[in-house]
Amino acid sequence: MILFDLVTPFYIYYLQAMGHREKIVGFRVGHGEMSVADRILGIILLLLALVCLVEGIRVWDGMGGTGFMPVIMGVVCGTLSLGFLVSRSPNRESPPIPWPTKGNWQKIGFISLSLVLYTLLVPWIGYLIGTTLFLIGLVRAMGRIRWGYGLIFGLVATGFTYIIFKIWLNMPFPVGFLGV
């Protein structure tokens, strides 16, 4: 739901900029036809996928090495782009989607700020500590849950990603000032 809250204002702005004011209420994109926005998004994702694939192959140094994740991201973005390029909009009317409230804008701002801070601070505080703290804050911002559940989620999600990417795929992570 929070991803939808993040994307909605940008999609509405895009529709306004492209002159599709009639499509904004309920995001009505036509009857059984692909919208211009879907085609443009599909092309952008396809270009991003190609860049990821080319760069991943260019720096490829084996499974789990430097080029591994760009190749995986290229495949995922390419698959999503093909989905946008070949899919058709449903024939049914969709309910109108309201503009985000002040509280949702505050969530968007907090999440954006926390992403920037995470990117800047994780080299100094390390992956394990930084990601755990980031996920706790993110889960708390997205929904009203208790700190204990946020802590459990942060620890479990960070542990899983550490096991998969650091131990299984042998990818380097920033260790930070504590060396963990």
N, C-alpha and C. Protein backbone atom coordinates (compact mmCIF):
# COMPACT_ATOMS: atom_id res chain seq x y z
N MET A 1 0.82 -1.19 0.00
CA MET A 1 0.00 0.00 0.00
C MET A 1 0.86 1.25 0.00
N ILE A 2 1.98 1.24 0.74
CA ILE A 2 2.81 2.43 0.78
C ILE A 2 3.46 2.68 -0.57
N LEU A 3 3.81 1.60 -1.31
CA LEU A 3 4.36 1.78 -2.65
C LEU A 3 3.33 2.46 -3.53
N PHE A 4 2.07 2.08 -3.41
CA PHE A 4 1.01 2.71 -4.17
C PHE A 4 0.89 4.18 -3.78
N ASP A 5 1.01 4.48 -2.49
CA ASP A 5 0.96 5.86 -2.03
C ASP A 5 2.13 6.67 -2.57
N LEU A 6 3.29 6.03 -2.74
CA LEU A 6 4.43 6.74 -3.27
C LEU A 6 4.30 7.02 -4.77
N VAL A 7 3.74 6.08 -5.51
CA VAL A 7 3.68 6.19 -6.96
C VAL A 7 2.50 7.05 -7.41
N THR A 8 1.41 7.05 -6.69
CA THR A 8 0.19 7.73 -7.11
C THR A 8 0.39 9.19 -7.48
N PRO A 9 1.01 10.04 -6.64
CA PRO A 9 1.12 11.44 -7.02
C PRO A 9 1.95 11.66 -8.27
N PHE A 10 2.98 10.85 -8.47
CA PHE A 10 3.81 11.01 -9.66
C PHE A 10 3.06 10.58 -10.92
N TYR A 11 2.25 9.54 -10.80
CA TYR A 11 1.47 9.07 -11.94
C TYR A 11 0.40 10.11 -12.30
N ILE A 12 -0.23 10.71 -11.31
CA ILE A 12 -1.22 11.75 -11.58
C ILE A 12 -0.54 12.94 -12.25
N TYR A 13 0.62 13.35 -11.74
CA TYR A 13 1.34 14.46 -12.34
C TYR A 13 1.71 14.14 -13.78
N TYR A 14 2.15 12.90 -14.02
CA TYR A 14 2.50 12.48 -15.38
C TYR A 14 1.29 12.56 -16.30
N LEU A 15 0.14 12.08 -15.84
CA LEU A 15 -1.07 12.14 -16.68
C LEU A 15 -1.46 13.58 -16.98
N GLN A 16 -1.30 14.46 -15.98
CA GLN A 16 -1.61 15.87 -16.22
C GLN A 16 -0.65 16.46 -17.24
N ALA A 17 0.62 16.14 -17.11
CA ALA A 17 1.62 16.69 -18.02
C ALA A 17 1.42 16.19 -19.44
N MET A 18 0.95 14.97 -19.60
CA MET A 18 0.73 14.40 -20.93
C MET A 18 -0.62 14.81 -21.51
N GLY A 19 -1.41 15.58 -20.78
CA GLY A 19 -2.68 16.04 -21.29
C GLY A 19 -3.81 15.04 -21.18
N HIS A 20 -3.70 14.08 -20.30
CA HIS A 20 -4.72 13.05 -20.13
C HIS A 20 -5.57 13.33 -18.90
N ARG A 21 -6.12 14.51 -18.80
CA ARG A 21 -6.89 14.89 -17.62
C ARG A 21 -8.11 14.00 -17.43
N GLU A 22 -8.69 13.50 -18.50
CA GLU A 22 -9.88 12.67 -18.36
C GLU A 22 -9.57 11.31 -17.73
N LYS A 23 -8.31 10.92 -17.72
CA LYS A 23 -7.92 9.62 -17.18
C LYS A 23 -7.57 9.68 -15.70
N ILE A 24 -7.47 10.87 -15.13
CA ILE A 24 -7.00 11.00 -13.75
C ILE A 24 -8.02 10.45 -12.76
N VAL A 25 -9.29 10.74 -12.94
CA VAL A 25 -10.30 10.26 -12.00
C VAL A 25 -10.40 8.75 -12.15
N GLY A 26 -9.99 8.03 -11.15
CA GLY A 26 -10.05 6.58 -11.15
C GLY A 26 -8.99 5.94 -12.02
N PHE A 27 -8.06 6.71 -12.54
CA PHE A 27 -7.03 6.18 -13.42
C PHE A 27 -7.63 5.38 -14.56
N ARG A 28 -8.70 5.88 -15.11
CA ARG A 28 -9.36 5.18 -16.21
C ARG A 28 -8.45 5.25 -17.43
N VAL A 29 -8.06 4.12 -17.94
CA VAL A 29 -7.10 4.10 -19.04
C VAL A 29 -7.71 3.56 -20.32
N GLY A 30 -8.98 3.52 -20.44
CA GLY A 30 -9.59 3.06 -21.68
C GLY A 30 -10.31 1.75 -21.50
N HIS A 31 -10.93 1.33 -22.54
CA HIS A 31 -11.69 0.08 -22.51
C HIS A 31 -10.97 -0.97 -23.32
N GLY A 32 -10.18 -1.79 -22.64
CA GLY A 32 -9.51 -2.89 -23.30
C GLY A 32 -8.30 -2.48 -24.11
N GLU A 33 -7.85 -1.25 -24.02
CA GLU A 33 -6.69 -0.81 -24.77
C GLU A 33 -5.59 -0.40 -23.81
N MET A 34 -4.37 -0.53 -24.27
CA MET A 34 -3.23 -0.16 -23.44
C MET A 34 -3.13 1.36 -23.40
N SER A 35 -2.85 1.89 -22.24
CA SER A 35 -2.72 3.33 -22.11
C SER A 35 -1.34 3.78 -22.56
N VAL A 36 -1.23 5.03 -22.87
CA VAL A 36 0.05 5.61 -23.26
C VAL A 36 1.03 5.51 -22.10
N ALA A 37 0.52 5.73 -20.88
CA ALA A 37 1.39 5.66 -19.70
C ALA A 37 1.99 4.26 -19.54
N ASP A 38 1.20 3.21 -19.79
CA ASP A 38 1.72 1.85 -19.69
C ASP A 38 2.81 1.60 -20.72
N ARG A 39 2.61 2.10 -21.93
CA ARG A 39 3.63 1.93 -22.98
C ARG A 39 4.92 2.66 -22.60
N ILE A 40 4.78 3.89 -22.12
CA ILE A 40 5.97 4.66 -21.75
C ILE A 40 6.70 4.01 -20.59
N LEU A 41 5.96 3.55 -19.58
CA LEU A 41 6.58 2.87 -18.45
C LEU A 41 7.27 1.58 -18.92
N GLY A 42 6.65 0.84 -19.81
CA GLY A 42 7.26 -0.37 -20.35
C GLY A 42 8.55 -0.09 -21.09
N ILE A 43 8.57 0.98 -21.87
CA ILE A 43 9.78 1.35 -22.61
C ILE A 43 10.88 1.81 -21.66
N ILE A 44 10.52 2.60 -20.64
CA ILE A 44 11.52 3.05 -19.66
C ILE A 44 12.10 1.86 -18.92
N LEU A 45 11.25 0.93 -18.48
CA LEU A 45 11.75 -0.26 -17.79
C LEU A 45 12.62 -1.11 -18.71
N LEU A 46 12.25 -1.22 -19.98
CA LEU A 46 13.05 -1.99 -20.93
C LEU A 46 14.42 -1.36 -21.13
N LEU A 47 14.48 -0.03 -21.23
CA LEU A 47 15.77 0.65 -21.36
C LEU A 47 16.62 0.45 -20.10
N LEU A 48 15.98 0.57 -18.94
CA LEU A 48 16.69 0.33 -17.69
C LEU A 48 17.21 -1.11 -17.62
N ALA A 49 16.41 -2.05 -18.07
CA ALA A 49 16.83 -3.46 -18.08
C ALA A 49 18.02 -3.66 -18.99
N LEU A 50 18.00 -3.03 -20.15
CA LEU A 50 19.12 -3.18 -21.08
C LEU A 50 20.41 -2.58 -20.50
N VAL A 51 20.29 -1.42 -19.85
CA VAL A 51 21.47 -0.81 -19.22
C VAL A 51 22.02 -1.73 -18.13
N CYS A 52 21.13 -2.27 -17.31
CA CYS A 52 21.56 -3.19 -16.24
C CYS A 52 22.24 -4.42 -16.82
N LEU A 53 21.65 -5.00 -17.85
CA LEU A 53 22.23 -6.19 -18.46
C LEU A 53 23.60 -5.90 -19.08
N VAL A 54 23.70 -4.82 -19.84
CA VAL A 54 24.97 -4.48 -20.49
C VAL A 54 26.05 -4.23 -19.45
N GLU A 55 25.75 -3.45 -18.41
CA GLU A 55 26.74 -3.16 -17.38
C GLU A 55 27.08 -4.41 -16.57
N GLY A 56 26.08 -5.23 -16.28
CA GLY A 56 26.33 -6.45 -15.54
C GLY A 56 27.22 -7.41 -16.30
N ILE A 57 26.99 -7.52 -17.60
CA ILE A 57 27.83 -8.40 -18.42
C ILE A 57 29.23 -7.80 -18.58
N ARG A 58 29.31 -6.47 -18.67
CA ARG A 58 30.60 -5.81 -18.84
C ARG A 58 31.52 -6.05 -17.64
N VAL A 59 30.97 -6.03 -16.43
CA VAL A 59 31.80 -6.19 -15.23
C VAL A 59 31.70 -7.59 -14.63
N TRP A 60 31.13 -8.53 -15.36
CA TRP A 60 30.92 -9.88 -14.86
C TRP A 60 32.24 -10.52 -14.46
N ASP A 61 32.31 -11.05 -13.23
CA ASP A 61 33.48 -11.77 -12.78
C ASP A 61 33.09 -13.05 -12.05
N GLY A 62 32.02 -13.64 -12.47
CA GLY A 62 31.59 -14.91 -11.91
C GLY A 62 30.33 -14.78 -11.07
N MET A 63 29.78 -15.94 -10.74
CA MET A 63 28.55 -16.00 -9.94
C MET A 63 28.78 -15.37 -8.58
N GLY A 64 27.91 -14.42 -8.21
CA GLY A 64 28.03 -13.75 -6.93
C GLY A 64 29.01 -12.60 -6.95
N GLY A 65 29.58 -12.31 -8.10
CA GLY A 65 30.55 -11.23 -8.20
C GLY A 65 29.89 -9.90 -8.49
N THR A 66 30.69 -8.98 -8.99
CA THR A 66 30.26 -7.61 -9.20
C THR A 66 29.09 -7.49 -10.17
N GLY A 67 29.09 -8.26 -11.24
CA GLY A 67 28.04 -8.12 -12.24
C GLY A 67 26.80 -8.94 -11.99
N PHE A 68 26.79 -9.71 -10.93
CA PHE A 68 25.66 -10.61 -10.68
C PHE A 68 24.34 -9.88 -10.47
N MET A 69 24.31 -8.93 -9.54
CA MET A 69 23.06 -8.22 -9.24
C MET A 69 22.57 -7.37 -10.40
N PRO A 70 23.43 -6.65 -11.15
CA PRO A 70 22.91 -5.93 -12.31
C PRO A 70 22.26 -6.85 -13.34
N VAL A 71 22.82 -8.03 -13.54
CA VAL A 71 22.21 -8.97 -14.48
C VAL A 71 20.85 -9.43 -13.97
N ILE A 72 20.76 -9.75 -12.68
CA ILE A 72 19.48 -10.16 -12.09
C ILE A 72 18.46 -9.04 -12.21
N MET A 73 18.86 -7.81 -11.90
CA MET A 73 17.95 -6.67 -12.00
C MET A 73 17.54 -6.43 -13.45
N GLY A 74 18.45 -6.64 -14.39
CA GLY A 74 18.11 -6.50 -15.80
C GLY A 74 17.06 -7.50 -16.24
N VAL A 75 17.19 -8.73 -15.77
CA VAL A 75 16.20 -9.76 -16.10
C VAL A 75 14.84 -9.42 -15.49
N VAL A 76 14.84 -8.99 -14.22
CA VAL A 76 13.58 -8.65 -13.55
C VAL A 76 12.91 -7.45 -14.22
N CYS A 77 13.68 -6.38 -14.46
CA CYS A 77 13.11 -5.19 -15.12
C CYS A 77 12.65 -5.51 -16.55
N GLY A 78 13.39 -6.35 -17.25
CA GLY A 78 12.99 -6.74 -18.60
C GLY A 78 11.68 -7.51 -18.59
N THR A 79 11.53 -8.41 -17.64
CA THR A 79 10.28 -9.17 -17.53
C THR A 79 9.12 -8.24 -17.20
N LEU A 80 9.32 -7.32 -16.26
CA LEU A 80 8.26 -6.36 -15.92
C LEU A 80 7.92 -5.47 -17.11
N SER A 81 8.93 -5.04 -17.85
CA SER A 81 8.67 -4.17 -18.99
C SER A 81 7.86 -4.90 -20.06
N LEU A 82 8.16 -6.15 -20.29
CA LEU A 82 7.38 -6.91 -21.26
C LEU A 82 5.93 -7.07 -20.79
N GLY A 83 5.75 -7.22 -19.47
CA GLY A 83 4.40 -7.28 -18.93
C GLY A 83 3.63 -6.00 -19.20
N PHE A 84 4.28 -4.85 -19.05
CA PHE A 84 3.61 -3.58 -19.32
C PHE A 84 3.37 -3.39 -20.81
N LEU A 85 4.28 -3.88 -21.63
CA LEU A 85 4.14 -3.66 -23.08
C LEU A 85 3.09 -4.56 -23.73
N VAL A 86 2.83 -5.73 -23.17
CA VAL A 86 1.87 -6.63 -23.80
C VAL A 86 0.53 -6.72 -23.08
N SER A 87 0.45 -6.18 -21.87
CA SER A 87 -0.81 -6.28 -21.13
C SER A 87 -1.83 -5.28 -21.64
N ARG A 88 -3.07 -5.58 -21.38
CA ARG A 88 -4.16 -4.69 -21.76
C ARG A 88 -4.90 -4.28 -20.50
N SER A 89 -5.45 -3.09 -20.53
CA SER A 89 -6.18 -2.59 -19.37
C SER A 89 -7.51 -3.32 -19.24
N PRO A 90 -8.01 -3.47 -18.02
CA PRO A 90 -9.29 -4.15 -17.83
C PRO A 90 -10.45 -3.33 -18.38
N ASN A 91 -11.56 -4.02 -18.69
CA ASN A 91 -12.74 -3.36 -19.24
C ASN A 91 -13.63 -2.76 -18.15
N ARG A 92 -13.30 -2.96 -16.92
CA ARG A 92 -14.18 -2.47 -15.85
C ARG A 92 -13.72 -1.11 -15.36
N GLU A 93 -14.65 -0.41 -14.77
CA GLU A 93 -14.36 0.90 -14.19
C GLU A 93 -13.62 0.71 -12.87
N SER A 94 -12.62 1.53 -12.64
CA SER A 94 -11.92 1.46 -11.37
C SER A 94 -12.39 2.60 -10.48
N PRO A 95 -12.41 2.38 -9.17
CA PRO A 95 -12.87 3.45 -8.27
C PRO A 95 -11.88 4.61 -8.30
N PRO A 96 -12.36 5.82 -8.06
CA PRO A 96 -11.44 6.97 -8.05
C PRO A 96 -10.43 6.87 -6.92
N ILE A 97 -9.22 7.30 -7.20
CA ILE A 97 -8.14 7.26 -6.22
C ILE A 97 -7.91 8.68 -5.73
N PRO A 98 -8.09 8.92 -4.44
CA PRO A 98 -7.95 10.29 -3.93
C PRO A 98 -6.48 10.73 -3.88
N TRP A 99 -6.28 12.03 -3.91
CA TRP A 99 -4.95 12.60 -3.75
C TRP A 99 -4.47 12.29 -2.33
N PRO A 100 -3.17 12.03 -2.14
CA PRO A 100 -2.68 11.70 -0.79
C PRO A 100 -2.96 12.81 0.22
N THR A 101 -3.27 12.40 1.42
CA THR A 101 -3.53 13.35 2.49
C THR A 101 -2.21 13.90 3.04
N LYS A 102 -2.30 14.87 3.94
CA LYS A 102 -1.11 15.46 4.54
C LYS A 102 -0.30 14.40 5.29
N GLY A 103 -1.00 13.49 5.96
CA GLY A 103 -0.31 12.42 6.68
C GLY A 103 0.46 11.50 5.74
N ASN A 104 -0.13 11.20 4.57
CA ASN A 104 0.56 10.37 3.60
C ASN A 104 1.76 11.10 3.01
N TRP A 105 1.63 12.40 2.78
CA TRP A 105 2.78 13.17 2.29
C TRP A 105 3.90 13.17 3.32
N GLN A 106 3.56 13.21 4.59
CA GLN A 106 4.58 13.15 5.63
C GLN A 106 5.27 11.79 5.62
N LYS A 107 4.50 10.72 5.41
CA LYS A 107 5.10 9.39 5.30
C LYS A 107 6.05 9.31 4.11
N ILE A 108 5.62 9.86 2.97
CA ILE A 108 6.45 9.86 1.77
C ILE A 108 7.75 10.61 2.05
N GLY A 109 7.64 11.77 2.70
CA GLY A 109 8.83 12.55 3.04
C GLY A 109 9.76 11.82 3.99
N PHE A 110 9.19 11.18 5.03
CA PHE A 110 10.00 10.45 5.99
C PHE A 110 10.70 9.27 5.33
N ILE A 111 9.99 8.55 4.49
CA ILE A 111 10.58 7.39 3.81
C ILE A 111 11.68 7.83 2.85
N SER A 112 11.44 8.91 2.10
CA SER A 112 12.46 9.42 1.18
C SER A 112 13.70 9.88 1.94
N LEU A 113 13.51 10.60 3.04
CA LEU A 113 14.63 11.05 3.85
C LEU A 113 15.38 9.87 4.46
N SER A 114 14.65 8.87 4.92
CA SER A 114 15.32 7.71 5.52
C SER A 114 16.12 6.93 4.47
N LEU A 115 15.63 6.87 3.23
CA LEU A 115 16.39 6.22 2.16
C LEU A 115 17.70 6.95 1.88
N VAL A 116 17.64 8.28 1.85
CA VAL A 116 18.85 9.07 1.63
C VAL A 116 19.82 8.87 2.79
N LEU A 117 19.33 8.96 4.02
CA LEU A 117 20.20 8.77 5.18
C LEU A 117 20.79 7.36 5.23
N TYR A 118 20.00 6.37 4.89
CA TYR A 118 20.49 4.99 4.85
C TYR A 118 21.64 4.86 3.86
N THR A 119 21.44 5.44 2.68
CA THR A 119 22.48 5.37 1.65
C THR A 119 23.76 6.06 2.10
N LEU A 120 23.62 7.19 2.78
CA LEU A 120 24.81 7.93 3.22
C LEU A 120 25.49 7.32 4.44
N LEU A 121 24.72 6.73 5.34
CA LEU A 121 25.28 6.26 6.61
C LEU A 121 25.71 4.80 6.64
N VAL A 122 25.17 3.96 5.76
CA VAL A 122 25.47 2.53 5.85
C VAL A 122 26.96 2.22 5.65
N PRO A 123 27.73 2.99 4.86
CA PRO A 123 29.17 2.68 4.80
C PRO A 123 29.88 2.89 6.15
N TRP A 124 29.38 3.78 7.00
CA TRP A 124 30.04 4.05 8.28
C TRP A 124 29.50 3.19 9.41
N ILE A 125 28.21 2.89 9.40
CA ILE A 125 27.67 2.10 10.51
C ILE A 125 27.55 0.63 10.17
N GLY A 126 27.73 0.27 8.91
CA GLY A 126 27.71 -1.13 8.50
C GLY A 126 26.33 -1.58 8.05
N TYR A 127 26.33 -2.67 7.28
CA TYR A 127 25.10 -3.19 6.71
C TYR A 127 24.15 -3.71 7.77
N LEU A 128 24.65 -4.52 8.67
CA LEU A 128 23.77 -5.17 9.65
C LEU A 128 23.05 -4.16 10.54
N ILE A 129 23.79 -3.24 11.12
CA ILE A 129 23.17 -2.25 12.01
C ILE A 129 22.30 -1.28 11.22
N GLY A 130 22.85 -0.76 10.11
CA GLY A 130 22.13 0.22 9.31
C GLY A 130 20.84 -0.31 8.73
N THR A 131 20.87 -1.51 8.18
CA THR A 131 19.68 -2.09 7.57
C THR A 131 18.64 -2.42 8.63
N THR A 132 19.06 -2.94 9.75
CA THR A 132 18.11 -3.24 10.82
C THR A 132 17.39 -1.97 11.28
N LEU A 133 18.15 -0.91 11.54
CA LEU A 133 17.54 0.36 11.97
C LEU A 133 16.64 0.94 10.89
N PHE A 134 17.09 0.87 9.64
CA PHE A 134 16.29 1.39 8.53
C PHE A 134 14.96 0.64 8.41
N LEU A 135 15.01 -0.67 8.49
CA LEU A 135 13.78 -1.46 8.35
C LEU A 135 12.83 -1.25 9.52
N ILE A 136 13.36 -1.09 10.71
CA ILE A 136 12.50 -0.80 11.87
C ILE A 136 11.76 0.51 11.63
N GLY A 137 12.50 1.55 11.23
CA GLY A 137 11.87 2.84 10.96
C GLY A 137 10.89 2.78 9.80
N LEU A 138 11.24 2.03 8.77
CA LEU A 138 10.36 1.92 7.60
C LEU A 138 9.05 1.21 7.95
N VAL A 139 9.14 0.13 8.68
CA VAL A 139 7.93 -0.60 9.07
C VAL A 139 7.07 0.24 9.99
N ARG A 140 7.70 0.97 10.89
CA ARG A 140 6.94 1.85 11.79
C ARG A 140 6.25 2.97 11.01
N ALA A 141 6.92 3.50 9.99
CA ALA A 141 6.34 4.59 9.20
C ALA A 141 5.20 4.09 8.31
N MET A 142 5.31 2.88 7.82
CA MET A 142 4.29 2.36 6.90
C MET A 142 3.00 1.98 7.61
N GLY A 143 3.10 1.55 8.82
CA GLY A 143 1.91 1.12 9.53
C GLY A 143 2.06 1.32 11.02
N ARG A 144 0.97 1.22 11.70
CA ARG A 144 1.01 1.39 13.16
C ARG A 144 1.23 0.04 13.82
N ILE A 145 2.49 -0.29 14.00
CA ILE A 145 2.84 -1.54 14.67
C ILE A 145 3.71 -1.21 15.87
N ARG A 146 3.82 -2.14 16.77
CA ARG A 146 4.62 -1.94 17.97
C ARG A 146 6.11 -2.04 17.65
N TRP A 147 6.91 -1.40 18.51
CA TRP A 147 8.36 -1.41 18.32
C TRP A 147 8.91 -2.82 18.34
N GLY A 148 8.34 -3.68 19.17
CA GLY A 148 8.84 -5.06 19.25
C GLY A 148 8.68 -5.80 17.94
N TYR A 149 7.52 -5.65 17.29
CA TYR A 149 7.31 -6.29 15.99
C TYR A 149 8.23 -5.70 14.93
N GLY A 150 8.44 -4.39 15.00
CA GLY A 150 9.36 -3.75 14.07
C GLY A 150 10.77 -4.25 14.25
N LEU A 151 11.19 -4.43 15.50
CA LEU A 151 12.52 -4.95 15.79
C LEU A 151 12.67 -6.38 15.27
N ILE A 152 11.65 -7.20 15.51
CA ILE A 152 11.69 -8.59 15.03
C ILE A 152 11.77 -8.61 13.51
N PHE A 153 10.93 -7.80 12.84
CA PHE A 153 10.96 -7.76 11.38
C PHE A 153 12.32 -7.29 10.87
N GLY A 154 12.85 -6.23 11.47
CA GLY A 154 14.14 -5.71 11.05
C GLY A 154 15.25 -6.73 11.19
N LEU A 155 15.28 -7.42 12.32
CA LEU A 155 16.31 -8.43 12.55
C LEU A 155 16.18 -9.63 11.61
N VAL A 156 14.96 -10.11 11.43
CA VAL A 156 14.74 -11.28 10.57
C VAL A 156 15.04 -10.95 9.12
N ALA A 157 14.53 -9.82 8.62
CA ALA A 157 14.76 -9.45 7.22
C ALA A 157 16.24 -9.19 6.96
N THR A 158 16.91 -8.51 7.87
CA THR A 158 18.34 -8.26 7.71
C THR A 158 19.11 -9.57 7.77
N GLY A 159 18.73 -10.45 8.68
CA GLY A 159 19.38 -11.76 8.77
C GLY A 159 19.24 -12.57 7.50
N PHE A 160 18.02 -12.60 6.94
CA PHE A 160 17.80 -13.34 5.69
C PHE A 160 18.63 -12.77 4.55
N THR A 161 18.60 -11.44 4.40
CA THR A 161 19.37 -10.86 3.29
C THR A 161 20.87 -11.06 3.50
N TYR A 162 21.32 -11.02 4.74
CA TYR A 162 22.74 -11.27 5.02
C TYR A 162 23.12 -12.70 4.65
N ILE A 163 22.29 -13.64 5.06
CA ILE A 163 22.57 -15.05 4.74
C ILE A 163 22.57 -15.28 3.24
N ILE A 164 21.57 -14.74 2.55
CA ILE A 164 21.47 -14.97 1.10
C ILE A 164 22.61 -14.30 0.35
N PHE A 165 22.81 -13.00 0.60
CA PHE A 165 23.76 -12.26 -0.23
C PHE A 165 25.21 -12.35 0.26
N LYS A 166 25.44 -12.34 1.55
CA LYS A 166 26.81 -12.37 2.06
C LYS A 166 27.36 -13.79 2.15
N ILE A 167 26.58 -14.69 2.73
CA ILE A 167 27.08 -16.04 2.94
C ILE A 167 26.90 -16.91 1.70
N TRP A 168 25.67 -16.94 1.15
CA TRP A 168 25.39 -17.82 0.02
C TRP A 168 26.01 -17.30 -1.27
N LEU A 169 25.77 -16.01 -1.60
CA LEU A 169 26.27 -15.45 -2.86
C LEU A 169 27.63 -14.78 -2.72
N ASN A 170 28.15 -14.69 -1.49
CA ASN A 170 29.48 -14.15 -1.23
C ASN A 170 29.66 -12.72 -1.77
N MET A 171 28.64 -11.89 -1.56
CA MET A 171 28.71 -10.50 -2.00
C MET A 171 29.25 -9.64 -0.86
N PRO A 172 30.09 -8.66 -1.17
CA PRO A 172 30.64 -7.82 -0.10
C PRO A 172 29.61 -6.83 0.44
N PHE A 173 29.60 -6.65 1.74
CA PHE A 173 28.75 -5.68 2.42
C PHE A 173 29.64 -4.73 3.20
N PRO A 174 29.20 -3.47 3.40
CA PRO A 174 29.97 -2.56 4.24
C PRO A 174 29.94 -3.03 5.71
N VAL A 175 31.12 -3.05 6.33
CA VAL A 175 31.20 -3.55 7.71
C VAL A 175 31.05 -2.45 8.75
N GLY A 176 31.35 -1.22 8.42
CA GLY A 176 31.18 -0.13 9.37
C GLY A 176 32.28 -0.06 10.41
N PHE A 177 32.12 0.88 11.33
CA PHE A 177 33.15 1.14 12.34
C PHE A 177 33.26 0.03 13.38
N LEU A 178 32.20 -0.77 13.58
CA LEU A 178 32.27 -1.87 14.54
C LEU A 178 32.85 -3.14 13.96
N GLY A 179 32.98 -3.20 12.66
CA GLY A 179 33.55 -4.38 12.02
C GLY A 179 32.56 -5.53 11.84
N VAL A 180 31.25 -5.26 11.93
CA VAL A 180 30.25 -6.32 11.72
C VAL A 180 29.44 -6.05 10.48
